[in-house]
N, C-alpha and C. Protein backbone atom coordinates (compact mmCIF):
# COMPACT_ATOMS: atom_id res chain seq x y z
N MET A 1 99.44 126.57 100.55
CA MET A 1 100.62 125.82 100.14
C MET A 1 100.22 124.80 99.07
N PRO A 2 100.87 124.83 97.92
CA PRO A 2 100.54 123.86 96.86
C PRO A 2 100.89 122.44 97.28
N HIS A 3 100.08 121.50 96.84
CA HIS A 3 100.31 120.08 97.15
C HIS A 3 101.14 119.47 96.01
N GLU A 4 102.45 119.52 96.15
CA GLU A 4 103.30 119.01 95.09
C GLU A 4 104.26 117.94 95.57
N MET A 5 104.31 117.68 96.84
CA MET A 5 105.24 116.70 97.35
C MET A 5 104.79 115.30 96.95
N PRO A 6 105.72 114.44 96.57
CA PRO A 6 105.34 113.08 96.16
C PRO A 6 104.52 112.34 97.22
N GLN A 7 104.83 112.53 98.50
CA GLN A 7 104.06 111.84 99.53
C GLN A 7 102.62 112.35 99.59
N GLU A 8 102.40 113.62 99.27
CA GLU A 8 101.03 114.15 99.24
C GLU A 8 100.25 113.58 98.06
N ILE A 9 100.92 113.41 96.93
CA ILE A 9 100.27 112.81 95.77
C ILE A 9 99.95 111.35 96.07
N ALA A 10 100.88 110.64 96.67
CA ALA A 10 100.64 109.24 97.03
C ALA A 10 99.48 109.13 98.01
N ALA A 11 99.41 110.03 98.98
CA ALA A 11 98.33 110.00 99.96
C ALA A 11 96.99 110.30 99.30
N LEU A 12 96.96 111.26 98.38
CA LEU A 12 95.73 111.58 97.66
C LEU A 12 95.25 110.37 96.87
N VAL A 13 96.13 109.76 96.11
CA VAL A 13 95.75 108.60 95.29
C VAL A 13 95.25 107.47 96.19
N GLN A 14 95.93 107.21 97.29
CA GLN A 14 95.50 106.15 98.20
C GLN A 14 94.12 106.43 98.77
N ARG A 15 93.88 107.67 99.18
CA ARG A 15 92.57 108.03 99.73
C ARG A 15 91.47 107.85 98.67
N LEU A 16 91.78 108.21 97.42
CA LEU A 16 90.79 108.06 96.35
C LEU A 16 90.52 106.59 96.06
N PHE A 17 91.56 105.76 96.07
CA PHE A 17 91.35 104.31 95.91
C PHE A 17 90.45 103.78 97.02
N GLU A 18 90.75 104.16 98.25
CA GLU A 18 89.98 103.68 99.40
C GLU A 18 88.52 104.14 99.33
N ALA A 19 88.28 105.29 98.69
CA ALA A 19 86.92 105.82 98.56
C ALA A 19 86.16 105.19 97.39
N GLY A 20 86.85 104.36 96.61
CA GLY A 20 86.17 103.65 95.52
C GLY A 20 86.49 104.13 94.12
N CYS A 21 87.46 105.02 93.98
CA CYS A 21 87.85 105.49 92.65
C CYS A 21 88.75 104.46 91.96
N ASP A 22 88.68 104.44 90.66
CA ASP A 22 89.55 103.62 89.83
C ASP A 22 90.38 104.59 89.01
N MET A 23 91.69 104.60 89.19
CA MET A 23 92.56 105.57 88.52
C MET A 23 93.63 104.86 87.72
N TRP A 24 93.90 105.41 86.53
CA TRP A 24 94.93 104.85 85.65
C TRP A 24 95.70 105.98 84.97
N ALA A 25 97.01 105.80 84.82
CA ALA A 25 97.82 106.71 84.02
C ALA A 25 97.53 106.44 82.56
N VAL A 26 97.35 107.50 81.79
CA VAL A 26 97.13 107.39 80.35
C VAL A 26 97.94 108.49 79.69
N LYS A 27 98.92 108.08 78.92
CA LYS A 27 99.84 109.03 78.27
C LYS A 27 100.41 109.98 79.32
N GLY A 28 100.26 111.31 79.15
CA GLY A 28 100.82 112.28 80.11
C GLY A 28 99.84 112.69 81.19
N GLY A 29 98.71 112.01 81.29
CA GLY A 29 97.71 112.38 82.28
C GLY A 29 97.17 111.14 82.96
N TYR A 30 95.94 111.23 83.41
CA TYR A 30 95.32 110.09 84.08
C TYR A 30 93.81 110.18 83.91
N VAL A 31 93.16 109.06 84.10
CA VAL A 31 91.71 109.01 84.12
C VAL A 31 91.28 108.50 85.49
N MET A 32 90.11 108.97 85.91
CA MET A 32 89.60 108.56 87.20
C MET A 32 88.10 108.30 87.08
N ASN A 33 87.71 107.10 87.43
CA ASN A 33 86.31 106.74 87.48
C ASN A 33 85.87 106.87 88.93
N GLU A 34 84.95 107.82 89.19
CA GLU A 34 84.48 108.07 90.54
C GLU A 34 83.21 107.28 90.81
N PRO A 35 83.02 106.82 92.04
CA PRO A 35 81.79 106.11 92.37
C PRO A 35 80.59 107.07 92.27
N SER A 36 79.45 106.55 91.85
CA SER A 36 78.27 107.40 91.71
C SER A 36 77.29 107.19 92.86
N ASP A 37 77.51 106.17 93.67
CA ASP A 37 76.59 105.91 94.78
C ASP A 37 77.01 106.68 96.03
N GLU A 38 76.03 106.95 96.87
CA GLU A 38 76.29 107.61 98.14
C GLU A 38 76.50 106.56 99.23
N PRO A 39 77.33 106.80 100.19
CA PRO A 39 78.02 108.04 100.48
C PRO A 39 79.37 108.18 99.79
N ALA A 40 79.79 107.16 99.01
CA ALA A 40 81.12 107.19 98.38
C ALA A 40 81.32 108.42 97.51
N SER A 41 80.31 108.82 96.77
CA SER A 41 80.43 109.98 95.90
C SER A 41 80.74 111.24 96.70
N SER A 42 80.08 111.42 97.81
CA SER A 42 80.33 112.59 98.66
C SER A 42 81.70 112.53 99.32
N VAL A 43 82.15 111.34 99.65
CA VAL A 43 83.48 111.18 100.24
C VAL A 43 84.54 111.61 99.23
N VAL A 44 84.41 111.17 97.98
CA VAL A 44 85.37 111.55 96.93
C VAL A 44 85.34 113.05 96.72
N GLU A 45 84.17 113.62 96.67
CA GLU A 45 84.04 115.07 96.48
C GLU A 45 84.75 115.81 97.61
N ALA A 46 84.60 115.36 98.84
CA ALA A 46 85.26 116.00 99.98
C ALA A 46 86.78 115.84 99.91
N ILE A 47 87.26 114.68 99.52
CA ILE A 47 88.71 114.45 99.38
C ILE A 47 89.29 115.42 98.36
N LEU A 48 88.64 115.54 97.21
CA LEU A 48 89.14 116.42 96.15
C LEU A 48 89.06 117.88 96.56
N ALA A 49 88.00 118.28 97.24
CA ALA A 49 87.88 119.66 97.70
C ALA A 49 88.96 119.97 98.74
N ASP A 50 89.23 119.03 99.62
CA ASP A 50 90.25 119.21 100.65
C ASP A 50 91.64 119.35 100.03
N PHE A 51 91.92 118.55 99.00
CA PHE A 51 93.24 118.59 98.36
C PHE A 51 93.43 119.88 97.59
N GLY A 52 92.39 120.34 96.90
CA GLY A 52 92.48 121.57 96.12
C GLY A 52 92.81 121.29 94.67
N PRO A 53 93.14 122.35 93.92
CA PRO A 53 93.41 122.21 92.49
C PRO A 53 94.53 121.22 92.22
N ARG A 54 94.35 120.44 91.16
CA ARG A 54 95.38 119.45 90.83
C ARG A 54 95.70 119.39 89.35
N ASP A 55 95.12 120.28 88.56
CA ASP A 55 95.43 120.29 87.12
C ASP A 55 96.92 120.41 86.86
N HIS A 56 97.60 121.24 87.64
CA HIS A 56 99.04 121.43 87.46
C HIS A 56 99.85 120.21 87.89
N LEU A 57 99.19 119.24 88.53
CA LEU A 57 99.86 118.02 89.00
C LEU A 57 99.56 116.81 88.13
N ARG A 58 98.85 117.03 87.03
CA ARG A 58 98.42 115.92 86.18
C ARG A 58 99.56 114.96 85.84
N GLU A 59 100.68 115.49 85.42
CA GLU A 59 101.81 114.63 85.04
C GLU A 59 102.41 113.91 86.25
N LYS A 60 102.50 114.60 87.39
CA LYS A 60 103.06 113.97 88.59
C LYS A 60 102.14 112.86 89.11
N ILE A 61 100.84 113.09 89.04
CA ILE A 61 99.89 112.04 89.45
C ILE A 61 100.01 110.86 88.49
N SER A 62 100.11 111.15 87.21
CA SER A 62 100.29 110.11 86.20
C SER A 62 101.56 109.31 86.47
N ASP A 63 102.65 110.00 86.77
CA ASP A 63 103.91 109.32 87.07
C ASP A 63 103.76 108.40 88.28
N TYR A 64 103.07 108.88 89.30
CA TYR A 64 102.88 108.06 90.49
C TYR A 64 102.04 106.82 90.17
N LEU A 65 100.99 106.99 89.40
CA LEU A 65 100.15 105.84 89.03
C LEU A 65 100.97 104.81 88.25
N ARG A 66 101.86 105.26 87.37
CA ARG A 66 102.74 104.33 86.65
C ARG A 66 103.66 103.60 87.63
N LEU A 67 104.17 104.34 88.58
CA LEU A 67 105.09 103.77 89.57
C LEU A 67 104.44 102.61 90.32
N ILE A 68 103.15 102.71 90.58
CA ILE A 68 102.47 101.65 91.33
C ILE A 68 101.77 100.64 90.41
N GLY A 69 102.09 100.70 89.11
CA GLY A 69 101.58 99.69 88.18
C GLY A 69 100.21 99.97 87.61
N ARG A 70 99.74 101.20 87.71
CA ARG A 70 98.41 101.56 87.20
C ARG A 70 98.57 102.32 85.88
N ASP A 71 99.19 101.68 84.89
CA ASP A 71 99.47 102.29 83.59
C ASP A 71 98.60 101.65 82.53
N PHE A 72 97.59 102.38 82.10
CA PHE A 72 96.65 101.89 81.10
C PHE A 72 97.35 101.53 79.79
N ASP A 73 98.39 102.29 79.44
CA ASP A 73 99.10 102.07 78.18
C ASP A 73 99.82 100.73 78.15
N LEU A 74 100.04 100.10 79.29
CA LEU A 74 100.76 98.83 79.33
C LEU A 74 99.84 97.62 79.49
N LEU A 75 98.53 97.85 79.58
CA LEU A 75 97.59 96.73 79.71
C LEU A 75 97.59 95.91 78.42
N PRO A 76 97.50 94.61 78.53
CA PRO A 76 97.42 93.79 77.31
C PRO A 76 96.08 94.03 76.60
N PRO A 77 96.09 93.92 75.27
CA PRO A 77 94.84 94.16 74.51
C PRO A 77 93.78 93.13 74.81
């Protein structure tokens, strides 16, 4: 079953934040800085593997990040 429901996207983003990721909406997509230290790196890898492919959700994830105020395009210079 594809993960396309808004609550699933919100849950994914929240889990990634809790695992130490920094995510921002940028234009029609998003950027994600993943932690490089262990065990956080392995936790993020497991979260992403559990969720599955998300390329087709790039815009929806970006929209959600904007909704919660994580819009890189609106940051002051």
